[in-house]
Structures are given as C-alpha cells and as structure tokens.
N, C-alpha and C. Protein backbone atom coordinates (compact mmCIF):
# COMPACT_ATOMS: atom_id res chain seq x y z
N MET A 1 -34.71 179.39 222.11
CA MET A 1 -33.41 179.09 222.70
C MET A 1 -32.98 177.70 222.26
N PRO A 2 -31.70 177.56 221.90
CA PRO A 2 -31.19 176.25 221.48
C PRO A 2 -31.24 175.25 222.64
N GLY A 3 -31.31 173.99 222.26
CA GLY A 3 -31.36 172.94 223.27
C GLY A 3 -30.02 172.76 223.98
N THR A 4 -30.07 172.02 225.06
CA THR A 4 -28.88 171.79 225.87
C THR A 4 -27.80 171.08 225.08
N GLU A 5 -28.19 170.08 224.26
CA GLU A 5 -27.21 169.33 223.48
C GLU A 5 -26.46 170.24 222.52
N LEU A 6 -27.17 171.15 221.90
CA LEU A 6 -26.54 172.08 220.95
C LEU A 6 -25.60 173.04 221.66
N LEU A 7 -25.99 173.53 222.81
CA LEU A 7 -25.13 174.43 223.57
C LEU A 7 -23.86 173.73 224.06
N VAL A 8 -24.00 172.50 224.52
CA VAL A 8 -22.83 171.75 224.97
C VAL A 8 -21.88 171.51 223.79
N ALA A 9 -22.42 171.13 222.64
CA ALA A 9 -21.60 170.91 221.46
C ALA A 9 -20.89 172.20 221.05
N PHE A 10 -21.59 173.32 221.11
CA PHE A 10 -21.00 174.61 220.76
C PHE A 10 -19.84 174.96 221.69
N PHE A 11 -20.03 174.79 222.99
CA PHE A 11 -18.98 175.12 223.95
C PHE A 11 -17.78 174.17 223.84
N VAL A 12 -18.04 172.90 223.58
CA VAL A 12 -16.93 171.96 223.40
C VAL A 12 -16.13 172.32 222.15
N ALA A 13 -16.83 172.64 221.05
CA ALA A 13 -16.14 173.04 219.83
C ALA A 13 -15.34 174.33 220.05
N GLY A 14 -15.90 175.28 220.76
CA GLY A 14 -15.19 176.52 221.07
C GLY A 14 -13.96 176.27 221.92
N LEU A 15 -14.06 175.38 222.87
CA LEU A 15 -12.91 175.04 223.72
C LEU A 15 -11.81 174.37 222.91
N VAL A 16 -12.18 173.48 221.99
CA VAL A 16 -11.19 172.82 221.15
C VAL A 16 -10.44 173.84 220.31
N PHE A 17 -11.16 174.77 219.70
CA PHE A 17 -10.50 175.79 218.89
C PHE A 17 -9.66 176.75 219.74
N ALA A 18 -10.04 176.98 220.98
CA ALA A 18 -9.29 177.90 221.84
C ALA A 18 -7.96 177.31 222.28
N VAL A 19 -7.88 176.00 222.49
CA VAL A 19 -6.65 175.39 222.98
C VAL A 19 -5.79 174.81 221.86
N MET A 20 -6.29 174.79 220.64
CA MET A 20 -5.54 174.23 219.52
C MET A 20 -4.43 175.21 219.12
N PRO A 21 -3.18 174.72 219.02
CA PRO A 21 -2.10 175.62 218.64
C PRO A 21 -2.20 176.04 217.18
N GLY A 22 -1.82 177.25 216.90
CA GLY A 22 -1.86 177.75 215.54
C GLY A 22 -0.60 177.37 214.78
N PRO A 23 -0.53 177.75 213.53
CA PRO A 23 0.62 177.38 212.71
C PRO A 23 1.93 177.99 213.20
N GLY A 24 1.89 179.16 213.79
CA GLY A 24 3.10 179.78 214.31
C GLY A 24 3.68 179.02 215.48
N VAL A 25 2.82 178.53 216.35
CA VAL A 25 3.28 177.75 217.50
C VAL A 25 3.86 176.42 217.03
N ILE A 26 3.19 175.78 216.09
CA ILE A 26 3.68 174.50 215.57
C ILE A 26 5.02 174.69 214.89
N TYR A 27 5.18 175.78 214.13
CA TYR A 27 6.46 176.07 213.46
C TYR A 27 7.58 176.27 214.48
N THR A 28 7.32 177.03 215.52
CA THR A 28 8.33 177.28 216.54
C THR A 28 8.73 176.00 217.25
N ILE A 29 7.76 175.16 217.57
CA ILE A 29 8.05 173.88 218.23
C ILE A 29 8.89 173.00 217.31
N ALA A 30 8.53 172.95 216.04
CA ALA A 30 9.28 172.12 215.09
C ALA A 30 10.72 172.61 214.95
N ARG A 31 10.91 173.92 214.87
CA ARG A 31 12.27 174.47 214.75
C ARG A 31 13.08 174.19 216.02
N THR A 32 12.45 174.29 217.18
CA THR A 32 13.14 174.04 218.43
C THR A 32 13.55 172.57 218.53
N LEU A 33 12.66 171.67 218.15
CA LEU A 33 12.97 170.25 218.22
C LEU A 33 14.05 169.85 217.23
N SER A 34 14.08 170.50 216.08
CA SER A 34 15.07 170.12 215.07
C SER A 34 16.44 170.77 215.30
N GLY A 35 16.47 171.97 215.88
CA GLY A 35 17.74 172.67 215.98
C GLY A 35 18.14 173.13 217.36
N GLY A 36 17.32 172.93 218.34
CA GLY A 36 17.66 173.36 219.70
C GLY A 36 17.02 174.69 220.06
N LYS A 37 17.31 175.13 221.28
CA LYS A 37 16.68 176.34 221.82
C LYS A 37 17.05 177.60 221.04
N ARG A 38 18.30 177.69 220.63
CA ARG A 38 18.73 178.90 219.93
C ARG A 38 18.01 179.05 218.58
N VAL A 39 17.90 177.95 217.85
CA VAL A 39 17.23 177.99 216.54
C VAL A 39 15.73 178.23 216.73
N GLY A 40 15.15 177.64 217.75
CA GLY A 40 13.72 177.82 218.00
C GLY A 40 13.37 179.19 218.52
N GLY A 41 14.32 179.90 219.08
CA GLY A 41 14.05 181.24 219.60
C GLY A 41 13.93 182.30 218.53
N VAL A 42 14.52 182.06 217.37
CA VAL A 42 14.49 183.06 216.30
C VAL A 42 13.06 183.34 215.82
N PRO A 43 12.24 182.32 215.51
CA PRO A 43 10.86 182.64 215.10
C PRO A 43 10.06 183.35 216.20
N ARG A 44 10.36 182.96 217.46
CA ARG A 44 9.64 183.59 218.57
C ARG A 44 10.00 185.07 218.66
N LEU A 45 11.28 185.39 218.53
CA LEU A 45 11.71 186.79 218.62
C LEU A 45 11.22 187.61 217.44
N SER A 46 11.25 187.03 216.25
CA SER A 46 10.76 187.78 215.09
C SER A 46 9.27 188.02 215.19
N GLY A 47 8.54 187.06 215.73
CA GLY A 47 7.09 187.26 215.92
C GLY A 47 6.82 188.34 216.96
N SER A 48 7.62 188.36 218.01
CA SER A 48 7.45 189.40 219.04
C SER A 48 7.77 190.77 218.49
N ALA A 49 8.80 190.87 217.65
CA ALA A 49 9.15 192.16 217.04
C ALA A 49 8.04 192.63 216.12
N HIS A 50 7.45 191.71 215.39
CA HIS A 50 6.37 192.08 214.48
C HIS A 50 5.16 192.58 215.26
N ILE A 51 4.80 191.88 216.32
CA ILE A 51 3.65 192.28 217.12
C ILE A 51 3.91 193.62 217.81
N GLY A 52 5.14 193.79 218.31
CA GLY A 52 5.48 195.07 218.95
C GLY A 52 5.46 196.21 217.96
N GLY A 53 5.96 195.97 216.75
CA GLY A 53 5.92 197.01 215.73
C GLY A 53 4.51 197.37 215.31
N ALA A 54 3.66 196.37 215.22
CA ALA A 54 2.27 196.63 214.84
C ALA A 54 1.52 197.36 215.96
N THR A 55 1.91 197.09 217.21
CA THR A 55 1.24 197.73 218.33
C THR A 55 1.55 199.23 218.37
N PHE A 56 2.79 199.59 218.13
CA PHE A 56 3.19 200.98 218.27
C PHE A 56 3.16 201.76 216.95
N ALA A 57 2.70 201.14 215.88
CA ALA A 57 2.65 201.83 214.59
C ALA A 57 1.46 202.75 214.51
C-alpha cells in the first residue's frame, strides 16, 4: 500500500484537475468578457446542441 504522503499528493492532484476549467469554459468566459452576454451565449448554446445531438444519436 502506498504511503500517506503519496496518497495525499494523489488526491490533491486529482482535486486540482477536477476543478480546473477546460478550454471550452475558458473560451466561453473570454467571449463573454469581450462581447457581453449575448456573444458569450453562442458558444454555450452550440456546445449544448452538440452534446444533445451526440446523446440522442
């Protein structure tokens, strides 16, 4: 069994990766900040349409 230090490091690294935003989130935030809510909503809606299409395909 791995030592306590290794397990703590593993869980901390896993937590960092779990809460880190992905490129899609960063893109949506950047578009919203540069152009407002309407411009930032377009990537969000297109992503939702893609996920919905993939779910029901």
